PDB file of N, CA and C in Angstrom:
ATOM      1  N   MET A   1     145.862  37.821 219.295  1.00  0.00           N
ATOM      2  CA  MET A   1     145.270  38.820 220.051  1.00  0.00           C
ATOM      3  C   MET A   1     144.049  39.325 219.555  1.00  0.00           C
ATOM      4  N   ILE A   2     142.903  39.379 220.391  1.00  0.00           N
ATOM      5  CA  ILE A   2     141.561  39.723 219.978  1.00  0.00           C
ATOM      6  C   ILE A   2     141.237  41.176 220.203  1.00  0.00           C
ATOM      7  N   ILE A   3     141.117  41.860 218.935  1.00  0.00           N
ATOM      8  CA  ILE A   3     140.847  43.321 219.076  1.00  0.00           C
ATOM      9  C   ILE A   3     139.487  43.518 219.648  1.00  0.00           C
ATOM     10  N   PRO A   4     139.383  44.497 220.567  1.00  0.00           N
ATOM     11  CA  PRO A   4     137.962  44.601 221.079  1.00  0.00           C
ATOM     12  C   PRO A   4     137.099  45.562 220.209  1.00  0.00           C
ATOM     13  N   ARG A   5     135.706  44.998 220.067  1.00  0.00           N
ATOM     14  CA  ARG A   5     135.034  45.849 219.078  1.00  0.00           C
ATOM     15  C   ARG A   5     134.516  47.214 219.384  1.00  0.00           C
ATOM     16  N   ALA A   6     134.535  48.063 218.507  1.00  0.00           N
ATOM     17  CA  ALA A   6     134.364  49.482 218.660  1.00  0.00           C
ATOM     18  C   ALA A   6     133.053  49.675 219.412  1.00  0.00           C
ATOM     19  N   ILE A   7     132.063  48.723 219.244  1.00  0.00           N
ATOM     20  CA  ILE A   7     130.924  49.140 219.901  1.00  0.00           C
ATOM     21  C   ILE A   7     130.804  49.066 221.433  1.00  0.00           C
ATOM     22  N   PHE A   8     131.730  48.135 221.781  1.00  0.00           N
ATOM     23  CA  PHE A   8     131.776  48.056 223.282  1.00  0.00           C
ATOM     24  C   PHE A   8     132.648  49.382 223.962  1.00  0.00           C
ATOM     25  N   LEU A   9     133.601  49.756 223.225  1.00  0.00           N
ATOM     26  CA  LEU A   9     134.308  50.958 223.768  1.00  0.00           C
ATOM     27  C   LEU A   9     133.368  52.280 223.573  1.00  0.00           C
ATOM     28  N   ASN A  10     132.583  52.168 222.445  1.00  0.00           N
ATOM     29  CA  ASN A  10     131.548  53.270 222.349  1.00  0.00           C
ATOM     30  C   ASN A  10     130.553  53.250 223.489  1.00  0.00           C
ATOM     31  N   GLN A  11     130.111  52.174 223.758  1.00  0.00           N
ATOM     32  CA  GLN A  11     129.096  52.065 225.118  1.00  0.00           C
ATOM     33  C   GLN A  11     129.690  52.800 226.151  1.00  0.00           C
ATOM     34  N   THR A  12     130.831  52.276 226.529  1.00  0.00           N
ATOM     35  CA  THR A  12     131.800  52.809 227.652  1.00  0.00           C
ATOM     36  C   THR A  12     131.744  54.370 227.455  1.00  0.00           C
ATOM     37  N   TYR A  13     132.094  54.874 226.498  1.00  0.00           N
ATOM     38  CA  TYR A  13     132.430  56.355 226.221  1.00  0.00           C
ATOM     39  C   TYR A  13     130.867  57.129 226.186  1.00  0.00           C
ATOM     40  N   GLN A  14     129.835  56.448 225.751  1.00  0.00           N
ATOM     41  CA  GLN A  14     128.656  57.133 225.868  1.00  0.00           C
ATOM     42  C   GLN A  14     128.073  57.417 227.414  1.00  0.00           C
ATOM     43  N   LYS A  15     128.477  56.058 228.023  1.00  0.00           N
ATOM     44  CA  LYS A  15     127.879  55.956 229.441  1.00  0.00           C
ATOM     45  C   LYS A  15     128.935  57.042 230.212  1.00  0.00           C
ATOM     46  N   SER A  16     129.966  57.235 229.828  1.00  0.00           N
ATOM     47  CA  SER A  16     130.945  58.164 230.603  1.00  0.00           C
ATOM     48  C   SER A  16     130.226  59.624 230.394  1.00  0.00           C
ATOM     49  N   CYS A  17     129.948  59.948 229.127  1.00  0.00           N
ATOM     50  CA  CYS A  17     129.408  61.306 228.671  1.00  0.00           C
ATOM     51  C   CYS A  17     127.957  61.492 229.477  1.00  0.00           C
ATOM     52  N   ILE A  18     127.196  60.720 229.525  1.00  0.00           N
ATOM     53  CA  ILE A  18     126.129  60.729 230.287  1.00  0.00           C
ATOM     54  C   ILE A  18     126.427  61.045 231.808  1.00  0.00           C
ATOM     55  N   GLU A  19     127.122  60.353 232.436  1.00  0.00           N
ATOM     56  CA  GLU A  19     127.484  60.428 233.773  1.00  0.00           C
ATOM     57  C   GLU A  19     128.212  61.911 234.058  1.00  0.00           C
ATOM     58  N   HIS A  20     128.902  62.464 233.018  1.00  0.00           N
ATOM     59  CA  HIS A  20     129.319  63.789 233.307  1.00  0.00           C
ATOM     60  C   HIS A  20     128.313  64.865 232.941  1.00  0.00           C
ATOM     61  N   ARG A  21     127.497  64.623 232.021  1.00  0.00           N
ATOM     62  CA  ARG A  21     126.384  65.469 232.025  1.00  0.00           C
ATOM     63  C   ARG A  21     125.509  65.621 233.354  1.00  0.00           C
ATOM     64  N   HIS A  22     125.334  64.365 233.903  1.00  0.00           N
ATOM     65  CA  HIS A  22     124.398  64.514 235.316  1.00  0.00           C
ATOM     66  C   HIS A  22     125.270  64.988 236.202  1.00  0.00           C
ATOM     67  N   GLN A  23     126.720  64.927 236.235  1.00  0.00           N
ATOM     68  CA  GLN A  23     127.542  65.729 237.275  1.00  0.00           C
ATOM     69  C   GLN A  23     127.389  67.092 237.087  1.00  0.00           C
ATOM     70  N   VAL A  24     127.429  67.537 235.890  1.00  0.00           N
ATOM     71  CA  VAL A  24     127.378  69.058 235.740  1.00  0.00           C
ATOM     72  C   VAL A  24     126.130  69.616 235.913  1.00  0.00           C
ATOM     73  N   MET A  25     124.961  68.929 235.623  1.00  0.00           N
ATOM     74  CA  MET A  25     123.674  69.515 235.768  1.00  0.00           C
ATOM     75  C   MET A  25     123.235  69.275 237.233  1.00  0.00           C
ATOM     76  N   LYS A  26     123.999  68.308 238.155  1.00  0.00           N
ATOM     77  CA  LYS A  26     124.037  68.368 239.611  1.00  0.00           C
ATOM     78  C   LYS A  26     124.514  69.640 240.286  1.00  0.00           C
ATOM     79  N   GLU A  27     125.814  69.836 239.809  1.00  0.00           N
ATOM     80  CA  GLU A  27     126.492  71.037 240.260  1.00  0.00           C
ATOM     81  C   GLU A  27     125.896  72.491 239.985  1.00  0.00           C
ATOM     82  N   ILE A  28     125.279  72.453 238.713  1.00  0.00           N
ATOM     83  CA  ILE A  28     124.668  73.737 238.446  1.00  0.00           C
ATOM     84  C   ILE A  28     123.477  73.922 239.265  1.00  0.00           C
ATOM     85  N   ARG A  29     122.807  72.824 239.485  1.00  0.00           N
ATOM     86  CA  ARG A  29     121.385  72.993 240.164  1.00  0.00           C
ATOM     87  C   ARG A  29     121.991  73.467 241.893  1.00  0.00           C
ATOM     88  N   GLN A  30     122.983  72.727 242.219  1.00  0.00           N
ATOM     89  CA  GLN A  30     123.467  72.947 243.610  1.00  0.00           C
ATOM     90  C   GLN A  30     124.028  74.415 243.750  1.00  0.00           C
ATOM     91  N   PHE A  31     124.762  74.908 242.871  1.00  0.00           N
ATOM     92  CA  PHE A  31     125.282  76.190 242.853  1.00  0.00           C
ATOM     93  C   PHE A  31     124.082  77.316 242.721  1.00  0.00           C
ATOM     94  N   LYS A  32     123.238  77.014 241.693  1.00  0.00           N
ATOM     95  CA  LYS A  32     122.118  78.010 241.549  1.00  0.00           C
ATOM     96  C   LYS A  32     121.140  78.229 242.848  1.00  0.00           C
ATOM     97  N   SER A  33     120.904  76.862 243.376  1.00  0.00           N
ATOM     98  CA  SER A  33     120.341  76.916 244.600  1.00  0.00           C
ATOM     99  C   SER A  33     120.947  77.700 245.916  1.00  0.00           C
ATOM    100  N   GLU A  34     122.149  77.547 245.852  1.00  0.00           N
ATOM    101  CA  GLU A  34     122.907  78.182 247.067  1.00  0.00           C
ATOM    102  C   GLU A  34     122.940  79.866 246.505  1.00  0.00           C
ATOM    103  N   ILE A  35     122.826  80.365 245.354  1.00  0.00           N
ATOM    104  CA  ILE A  35     122.915  81.636 244.922  1.00  0.00           C
ATOM    105  C   ILE A  35     121.298  82.178 245.568  1.00  0.00           C
ATOM    106  N   VAL A  36     120.428  81.582 244.952  1.00  0.00           N
ATOM    107  CA  VAL A  36     119.086  81.893 245.320  1.00  0.00           C
ATOM    108  C   VAL A  36     118.839  82.016 246.799  1.00  0.00           C
ATOM    109  N   ARG A  37     119.224  80.933 247.657  1.00  0.00           N
ATOM    110  CA  ARG A  37     119.078  81.032 249.042  1.00  0.00           C
ATOM    111  C   ARG A  37     119.667  82.282 249.671  1.00  0.00           C
ATOM    112  N   MET A  38     120.954  82.592 248.963  1.00  0.00           N
ATOM    113  CA  MET A  38     121.822  83.880 249.618  1.00  0.00           C
ATOM    114  C   MET A  38     120.889  84.964 249.350  1.00  0.00           C
ATOM    115  N   LEU A  39     120.238  84.977 248.021  1.00  0.00           N
ATOM    116  CA  LEU A  39     119.634  86.333 247.480  1.00  0.00           C
ATOM    117  C   LEU A  39     118.434  86.581 248.218  1.00  0.00           C
ATOM    118  N   ARG A  40     117.762  85.389 248.706  1.00  0.00           N
ATOM    119  CA  ARG A  40     116.346  85.430 249.283  1.00  0.00           C
ATOM    120  C   ARG A  40     116.583  85.868 250.784  1.00  0.00           C
ATOM    121  N   ALA A  41     117.780  85.415 251.401  1.00  0.00           N
ATOM    122  CA  ALA A  41     117.956  85.817 252.666  1.00  0.00           C
ATOM    123  C   ALA A  41     117.792  87.185 253.116  1.00  0.00           C
ATOM    124  N   THR A  42     116.723  87.697 253.970  1.00  0.00           N
ATOM    125  CA  THR A  42     116.628  89.221 254.197  1.00  0.00           C
ATOM    126  C   THR A  42     117.843  89.750 254.848  1.00  0.00           C
ATOM    127  N   GLU A  43     118.589  89.129 255.412  1.00  0.00           N
ATOM    128  CA  GLU A  43     119.734  89.737 256.300  1.00  0.00           C
ATOM    129  C   GLU A  43     120.680  90.267 254.960  1.00  0.00           C
ATOM    130  N   ASN A  44     120.863  89.614 253.936  1.00  0.00           N
ATOM    131  CA  ASN A  44     121.787  90.030 252.751  1.00  0.00           C
ATOM    132  C   ASN A  44     121.180  91.189 252.042  1.00  0.00           C
ATOM    133  N   HIS A  45     119.978  91.501 252.225  1.00  0.00           N
ATOM    134  CA  HIS A  45     119.397  92.429 251.270  1.00  0.00           C
ATOM    135  C   HIS A  45     119.964  93.878 251.422  1.00  0.00           C
ATOM    136  N   LYS A  46     120.254  94.180 252.627  1.00  0.00           N
ATOM    137  CA  LYS A  46     120.916  95.628 253.001  1.00  0.00           C
ATOM    138  C   LYS A  46     122.594  95.591 252.502  1.00  0.00           C
ATOM    139  N   LEU A  47     123.122  94.373 252.214  1.00  0.00           N
ATOM    140  CA  LEU A  47     124.587  94.495 252.187  1.00  0.00           C
ATOM    141  C   LEU A  47     124.864  94.818 250.621  1.00  0.00           C
ATOM    142  N   GLY A  48     123.987  94.791 249.695  1.00  0.00           N
ATOM    143  CA  GLY A  48     124.195  95.336 248.389  1.00  0.00           C
ATOM    144  C   GLY A  48     124.812  94.150 247.513  1.00  0.00           C
ATOM    145  N   ASN A  49     125.806  93.270 248.075  1.00  0.00           N
ATOM    146  CA  ASN A  49     126.234  92.189 247.432  1.00  0.00           C
ATOM    147  C   ASN A  49     126.492  90.989 248.083  1.00  0.00           C
ATOM    148  N   ILE A  50     126.859  89.917 247.660  1.00  0.00           N
ATOM    149  CA  ILE A  50     127.137  88.738 248.374  1.00  0.00           C
ATOM    150  C   ILE A  50     128.599  88.019 247.444  1.00  0.00           C
ATOM    151  N   ARG A  51     129.046  87.333 248.137  1.00  0.00           N
ATOM    152  CA  ARG A  51     130.098  86.644 247.657  1.00  0.00           C
ATOM    153  C   ARG A  51     130.151  85.116 247.903  1.00  0.00           C
ATOM    154  N   ILE A  52     130.217  84.215 246.936  1.00  0.00           N
ATOM    155  CA  ILE A  52     130.045  82.751 247.038  1.00  0.00           C
ATOM    156  C   ILE A  52     131.427  82.142 246.574  1.00  0.00           C
ATOM    157  N   GLU A  53     132.103  81.396 247.634  1.00  0.00           N
ATOM    158  CA  GLU A  53     133.119  80.658 247.050  1.00  0.00           C
ATOM    159  C   GLU A  53     132.768  79.330 246.654  1.00  0.00           C
ATOM    160  N   MET A  54     133.596  79.005 245.511  1.00  0.00           N
ATOM    161  CA  MET A  54     133.258  77.649 245.138  1.00  0.00           C
ATOM    162  C   MET A  54     134.416  76.844 245.144  1.00  0.00           C
ATOM    163  N   PRO A  55     134.708  75.948 246.070  1.00  0.00           N
ATOM    164  CA  PRO A  55     135.989  75.424 246.280  1.00  0.00           C
ATOM    165  C   PRO A  55     135.886  74.109 245.209  1.00  0.00           C
ATOM    166  N   CYS A  56     137.040  73.772 244.950  1.00  0.00           N
ATOM    167  CA  CYS A  56     137.298  72.496 243.926  1.00  0.00           C
ATOM    168  C   CYS A  56     136.734  71.435 244.347  1.00  0.00           C
ATOM    169  N   ALA A  57     136.799  71.101 245.701  1.00  0.00           N
ATOM    170  CA  ALA A  57     136.250  69.786 246.301  1.00  0.00           C
ATOM    171  C   ALA A  57     134.817  69.853 246.176  1.00  0.00           C
ATOM    172  N   ASP A  58     134.005  70.886 246.332  1.00  0.00           N
ATOM    173  CA  ASP A  58     132.662  70.931 246.117  1.00  0.00           C
ATOM    174  C   ASP A  58     132.149  70.938 244.638  1.00  0.00           C
ATOM    175  N   TYR A  59     132.626  71.679 243.902  1.00  0.00           N
ATOM    176  CA  TYR A  59     132.320  71.781 242.499  1.00  0.00           C
ATOM    177  C   TYR A  59     133.384  71.425 241.317  1.00  0.00           C
ATOM    178  N   PRO A  60     133.766  70.198 241.422  1.00  0.00           N
ATOM    179  CA  PRO A  60     134.992  69.643 240.456  1.00  0.00           C
ATOM    180  C   PRO A  60     134.861  69.914 239.154  1.00  0.00           C
ATOM    181  N   VAL A  61     133.501  69.969 238.665  1.00  0.00           N
ATOM    182  CA  VAL A  61     133.515  70.113 237.196  1.00  0.00           C
ATOM    183  C   VAL A  61     133.273  71.661 236.869  1.00  0.00           C
ATOM    184  N   LEU A  62     132.393  72.355 237.666  1.00  0.00           N
ATOM    185  CA  LEU A  62     132.288  73.830 237.589  1.00  0.00           C
ATOM    186  C   LEU A  62     133.766  74.611 237.403  1.00  0.00           C
ATOM    187  N   THR A  63     134.440  74.041 238.609  1.00  0.00           N
ATOM    188  CA  THR A  63     135.786  74.998 238.653  1.00  0.00           C
ATOM    189  C   THR A  63     136.847  74.488 237.797  1.00  0.00           C
ATOM    190  N   SER A  64     136.650  73.283 236.961  1.00  0.00           N
ATOM    191  CA  SER A  64     137.745  73.103 235.919  1.00  0.00           C
ATOM    192  C   SER A  64     137.559  73.868 234.853  1.00  0.00           C
ATOM    193  N   THR A  65     138.627  73.913 233.982  1.00  0.00           N
ATOM    194  CA  THR A  65     138.790  74.695 232.887  1.00  0.00           C
ATOM    195  C   THR A  65     137.430  74.588 231.826  1.00  0.00           C
ATOM    196  N   GLY A  66     137.054  73.278 231.602  1.00  0.00           N
ATOM    197  CA  GLY A  66     135.806  72.909 230.854  1.00  0.00           C
ATOM    198  C   GLY A  66     134.473  73.511 231.519  1.00  0.00           C
ATOM    199  N   GLY A  67     134.382  73.886 232.827  1.00  0.00           N
ATOM    200  CA  GLY A  67     133.494  74.444 233.464  1.00  0.00           C
ATOM    201  C   GLY A  67     132.910  75.829 233.235  1.00  0.00           C
ATOM    202  N   ARG A  68     134.065  76.493 232.760  1.00  0.00           N
ATOM    203  CA  ARG A  68     133.713  78.012 232.387  1.00  0.00           C
ATOM    204  C   ARG A  68     132.802  78.346 231.674  1.00  0.00           C
ATOM    205  N   GLU A  69     132.342  77.370 230.751  1.00  0.00           N
ATOM    206  CA  GLU A  69     131.353  77.846 229.827  1.00  0.00           C
ATOM    207  C   GLU A  69     129.909  77.643 230.632  1.00  0.00           C
ATOM    208  N   HIS A  70     129.880  76.693 231.580  1.00  0.00           N
ATOM    209  CA  HIS A  70     128.657  76.538 232.337  1.00  0.00           C
ATOM    210  C   HIS A  70     128.517  78.034 233.313  1.00  0.00           C
ATOM    211  N   LEU A  71     129.750  78.135 233.893  1.00  0.00           N
ATOM    212  CA  LEU A  71     129.538  79.284 234.797  1.00  0.00           C
ATOM    213  C   LEU A  71     129.294  80.651 233.928  1.00  0.00           C
ATOM    214  N   ALA A  72     129.657  80.656 232.646  1.00  0.00           N
ATOM    215  CA  ALA A  72     129.088  81.662 231.947  1.00  0.00           C
ATOM    216  C   ALA A  72     127.730  81.780 231.578  1.00  0.00           C
ATOM    217  N   THR A  73     126.987  80.489 231.624  1.00  0.00           N
ATOM    218  CA  THR A  73     125.731  80.499 231.582  1.00  0.00           C
ATOM    219  C   THR A  73     124.848  80.837 232.781  1.00  0.00           C
ATOM    220  N   ILE A  74     125.417  80.750 233.617  1.00  0.00           N
ATOM    221  CA  ILE A  74     124.910  80.864 235.073  1.00  0.00           C
ATOM    222  C   ILE A  74     124.993  82.652 235.206  1.00  0.00           C
ATOM    223  N   ARG A  75     126.237  82.836 234.832  1.00  0.00           N
ATOM    224  CA  ARG A  75     126.367  84.379 234.873  1.00  0.00           C
ATOM    225  C   ARG A  75     125.396  85.312 233.984  1.00  0.00           C
ATOM    226  N   ASN A  76     125.039  84.649 233.008  1.00  0.00           N
ATOM    227  CA  ASN A  76     124.138  85.395 231.994  1.00  0.00           C
ATOM    228  C   ASN A  76     122.792  85.419 232.656  1.00  0.00           C
ATOM    229  N   GLU A  77     122.502  84.244 233.204  1.00  0.00           N
ATOM    230  CA  GLU A  77     121.142  84.114 233.811  1.00  0.00           C
ATOM    231  C   GLU A  77     120.904  85.188 234.931  1.00  0.00           C
ATOM    232  N   ILE A  78     121.905  85.313 235.847  1.00  0.00           N
ATOM    233  CA  ILE A  78     121.739  86.381 236.858  1.00  0.00           C
ATOM    234  C   ILE A  78     121.903  87.852 236.360  1.00  0.00           C
ATOM    235  N   THR A  79     122.758  88.012 235.316  1.00  0.00           N
ATOM    236  CA  THR A  79     122.927  89.298 234.871  1.00  0.00           C
ATOM    237  C   THR A  79     121.308  89.803 234.115  1.00  0.00           C
ATOM    238  N   MET A  80     120.718  88.621 233.510  1.00  0.00           N
ATOM    239  CA  MET A  80     119.435  88.969 232.928  1.00  0.00           C
ATOM    240  C   MET A  80     118.636  89.394 234.006  1.00  0.00           C
ATOM    241  N   ALA A  81     118.719  88.970 235.001  1.00  0.00           N
ATOM    242  CA  ALA A  81     117.771  89.522 236.368  1.00  0.00           C
ATOM    243  C   ALA A  81     118.303  90.753 236.845  1.00  0.00           C
ATOM    244  N   GLY A  82     119.171  91.401 236.303  1.00  0.00           N
ATOM    245  CA  GLY A  82     119.503  92.778 236.776  1.00  0.00           C
ATOM    246  C   GLY A  82     120.541  92.813 237.643  1.00  0.00           C
ATOM    247  N   TYR A  83     121.275  91.787 238.059  1.00  0.00           N
ATOM    248  CA  TYR A  83     122.460  91.728 238.836  1.00  0.00           C
ATOM    249  C   TYR A  83     123.801  92.111 238.038  1.00  0.00           C
ATOM    250  N   ASP A  84     124.866  92.707 238.685  1.00  0.00           N
ATOM    251  CA  ASP A  84     126.146  92.514 238.358  1.00  0.00           C
ATOM    252  C   ASP A  84     126.775  91.250 238.706  1.00  0.00           C
ATOM    253  N   VAL A  85     127.684  90.659 238.014  1.00  0.00           N
ATOM    254  CA  VAL A  85     128.216  89.191 238.420  1.00  0.00           C
ATOM    255  C   VAL A  85     129.669  89.411 237.959  1.00  0.00           C
ATOM    256  N   PHE A  86     130.452  88.967 239.065  1.00  0.00           N
ATOM    257  CA  PHE A  86     131.950  88.896 238.991  1.00  0.00           C
ATOM    258  C   PHE A  86     132.659  87.391 239.302  1.00  0.00           C
ATOM    259  N   PHE A  87     133.444  87.026 238.341  1.00  0.00           N
ATOM    260  CA  PHE A  87     134.136  85.731 238.809  1.00  0.00           C
ATOM    261  C   PHE A  87     135.555  86.214 239.077  1.00  0.00           C
ATOM    262  N   THR A  88     136.121  85.379 240.114  1.00  0.00           N
ATOM    263  CA  THR A  88     137.556  85.457 240.416  1.00  0.00           C
ATOM    264  C   THR A  88     138.076  84.099 240.521  1.00  0.00           C
ATOM    265  N   TYR A  89     139.213  83.632 239.871  1.00  0.00           N
ATOM    266  CA  TYR A  89     139.825  82.439 239.931  1.00  0.00           C
ATOM    267  C   TYR A  89     141.103  82.604 240.738  1.00  0.00           C
ATOM    268  N   THR A  90     141.196  81.579 241.600  1.00  0.00           N
ATOM    269  CA  THR A  90     142.330  81.642 242.501  1.00  0.00           C
ATOM    270  C   THR A  90     143.369  80.563 241.871  1.00  0.00           C
ATOM    271  N   GLU A  91     144.400  80.550 242.294  1.00  0.00           N
ATOM    272  CA  GLU A  91     145.716  79.651 242.094  1.00  0.00           C
ATOM    273  C   GLU A  91     145.342  78.591 242.284  1.00  0.00           C
ATOM    274  N   SER A  92     144.560  78.102 243.402  1.00  0.00           N
ATOM    275  CA  SER A  92     144.273  76.813 243.737  1.00  0.00           C
ATOM    276  C   SER A  92     143.054  76.261 242.942  1.00  0.00           C
ATOM    277  N   GLY A  93     142.522  77.011 242.112  1.00  0.00           N
ATOM    278  CA  GLY A  93     141.536  76.468 241.305  1.00  0.00           C
ATOM    279  C   GLY A  93     140.059  76.621 241.794  1.00  0.00           C
ATOM    280  N   ASP A  94     139.957  77.366 242.924  1.00  0.00           N
ATOM    281  CA  ASP A  94     138.516  77.721 243.329  1.00  0.00           C
ATOM    282  C   ASP A  94     138.116  78.883 242.868  1.00  0.00           C
ATOM    283  N   VAL A  95     136.766  79.194 242.691  1.00  0.00           N
ATOM    284  CA  VAL A  95     136.242  80.273 241.971  1.00  0.00           C
ATOM    285  C   VAL A  95     135.520  81.143 243.079  1.00  0.00           C
ATOM    286  N   SER A  96     135.704  82.479 243.055  1.00  0.00           N
ATOM    287  CA  SER A  96     134.951  83.243 243.971  1.00  0.00           C
ATOM    288  C   SER A  96     133.650  84.009 242.994  1.00  0.00           C
ATOM    289  N   PHE A  97     132.607  83.981 243.387  1.00  0.00           N
ATOM    290  CA  PHE A  97     131.376  84.448 242.593  1.00  0.00           C
ATOM    291  C   PHE A  97     130.759  85.611 243.353  1.00  0.00           C
ATOM    292  N   SER A  98     130.851  86.743 242.637  1.00  0.00           N
ATOM    293  CA  SER A  98     130.285  87.996 243.247  1.00  0.00           C
ATOM    294  C   SER A  98     128.976  88.384 242.607  1.00  0.00           C
ATOM    295  N   VAL A  99     127.859  88.817 243.444  1.00  0.00           N
ATOM    296  CA  VAL A  99     126.568  89.016 242.773  1.00  0.00           C
ATOM    297  C   VAL A  99     126.480  90.432 243.694  1.00  0.00           C
ATOM    298  N   ASP A 100     125.887  91.491 242.792  1.00  0.00           N
ATOM    299  CA  ASP A 100     125.994  92.895 243.208  1.00  0.00           C
ATOM    300  C   ASP A 100     124.681  93.491 242.620  1.00  0.00           C
ATOM    301  N   TRP A 101     123.998  94.053 243.641  1.00  0.00           N
ATOM    302  CA  TRP A 101     122.605  94.833 243.335  1.00  0.00           C
ATOM    303  C   TRP A 101     122.748  96.248 243.806  1.00  0.00           C
ATOM    304  N   ARG A 102     123.782  96.757 244.025  1.00  0.00           N
ATOM    305  CA  ARG A 102     123.789  98.053 244.232  1.00  0.00           C
ATOM    306  C   ARG A 102     123.509  99.226 243.211  1.00  0.00           C
ATOM    307  N   MET A 103     124.082  98.819 242.082  1.00  0.00           N
ATOM    308  CA  MET A 103     123.944  99.801 240.678  1.00  0.00           C
ATOM    309  C   MET A 103     123.037  98.990 239.794  1.00  0.00           C
ATOM    310  N   VAL A 104     121.418  99.106 239.992  1.00  0.00           N
ATOM    311  CA  VAL A 104     120.483  98.361 239.232  1.00  0.00           C
ATOM    312  C   VAL A 104     120.280  99.229 238.147  1.00  0.00           C
ATOM    313  N   VAL A 105     120.272  98.829 236.728  1.00  0.00           N
ATOM    314  CA  VAL A 105     119.688  99.584 235.728  1.00  0.00           C
ATOM    315  C   VAL A 105     118.370  99.008 235.659  1.00  0.00           C
ATOM    316  N   ASN A 106     117.342  99.970 235.442  1.00  0.00           N
ATOM    317  CA  ASN A 106     116.057  99.571 235.428  1.00  0.00           C
ATOM    318  C   ASN A 106     115.433  99.277 234.159  1.00  0.00           C
ATOM    319  N   ASN A 107     116.014  98.352 233.337  1.00  0.00           N
ATOM    320  CA  ASN A 107     115.462  98.050 231.973  1.00  0.00           C
ATOM    321  C   ASN A 107     115.090  96.590 231.825  1.00  0.00           C
ATOM    322  N   GLN A 108     114.911  95.960 232.914  1.00  0.00           N
ATOM    323  CA  GLN A 108     114.178  94.611 232.775  1.00  0.00           C
ATOM    324  C   GLN A 108     112.747  94.821 233.113  1.00  0.00           C
TER     325      GLN A 108
END
């Protein structure tokens, strides 16, 4: 029986890690562009807040348990811009993302 060389398994592992990082970055870009699009829509300005649903099917990495750190990074970016941000996790694994600008603290 021939034992496979570790270098070959490592190459597969490294490729998998790179593909995962690309998927994460793709989902982050997609989600951030959706948030920005909704924030720029003038019909939403008078509402005071928006809610964005993140279904597992559209965002498999960000809605997984490992994706919570990436969502926290997105949340911090939006919070630094002066918005209140809230997450709600559903039993089905979907994430509801609320962005609120009704009570703005003018320290930015």
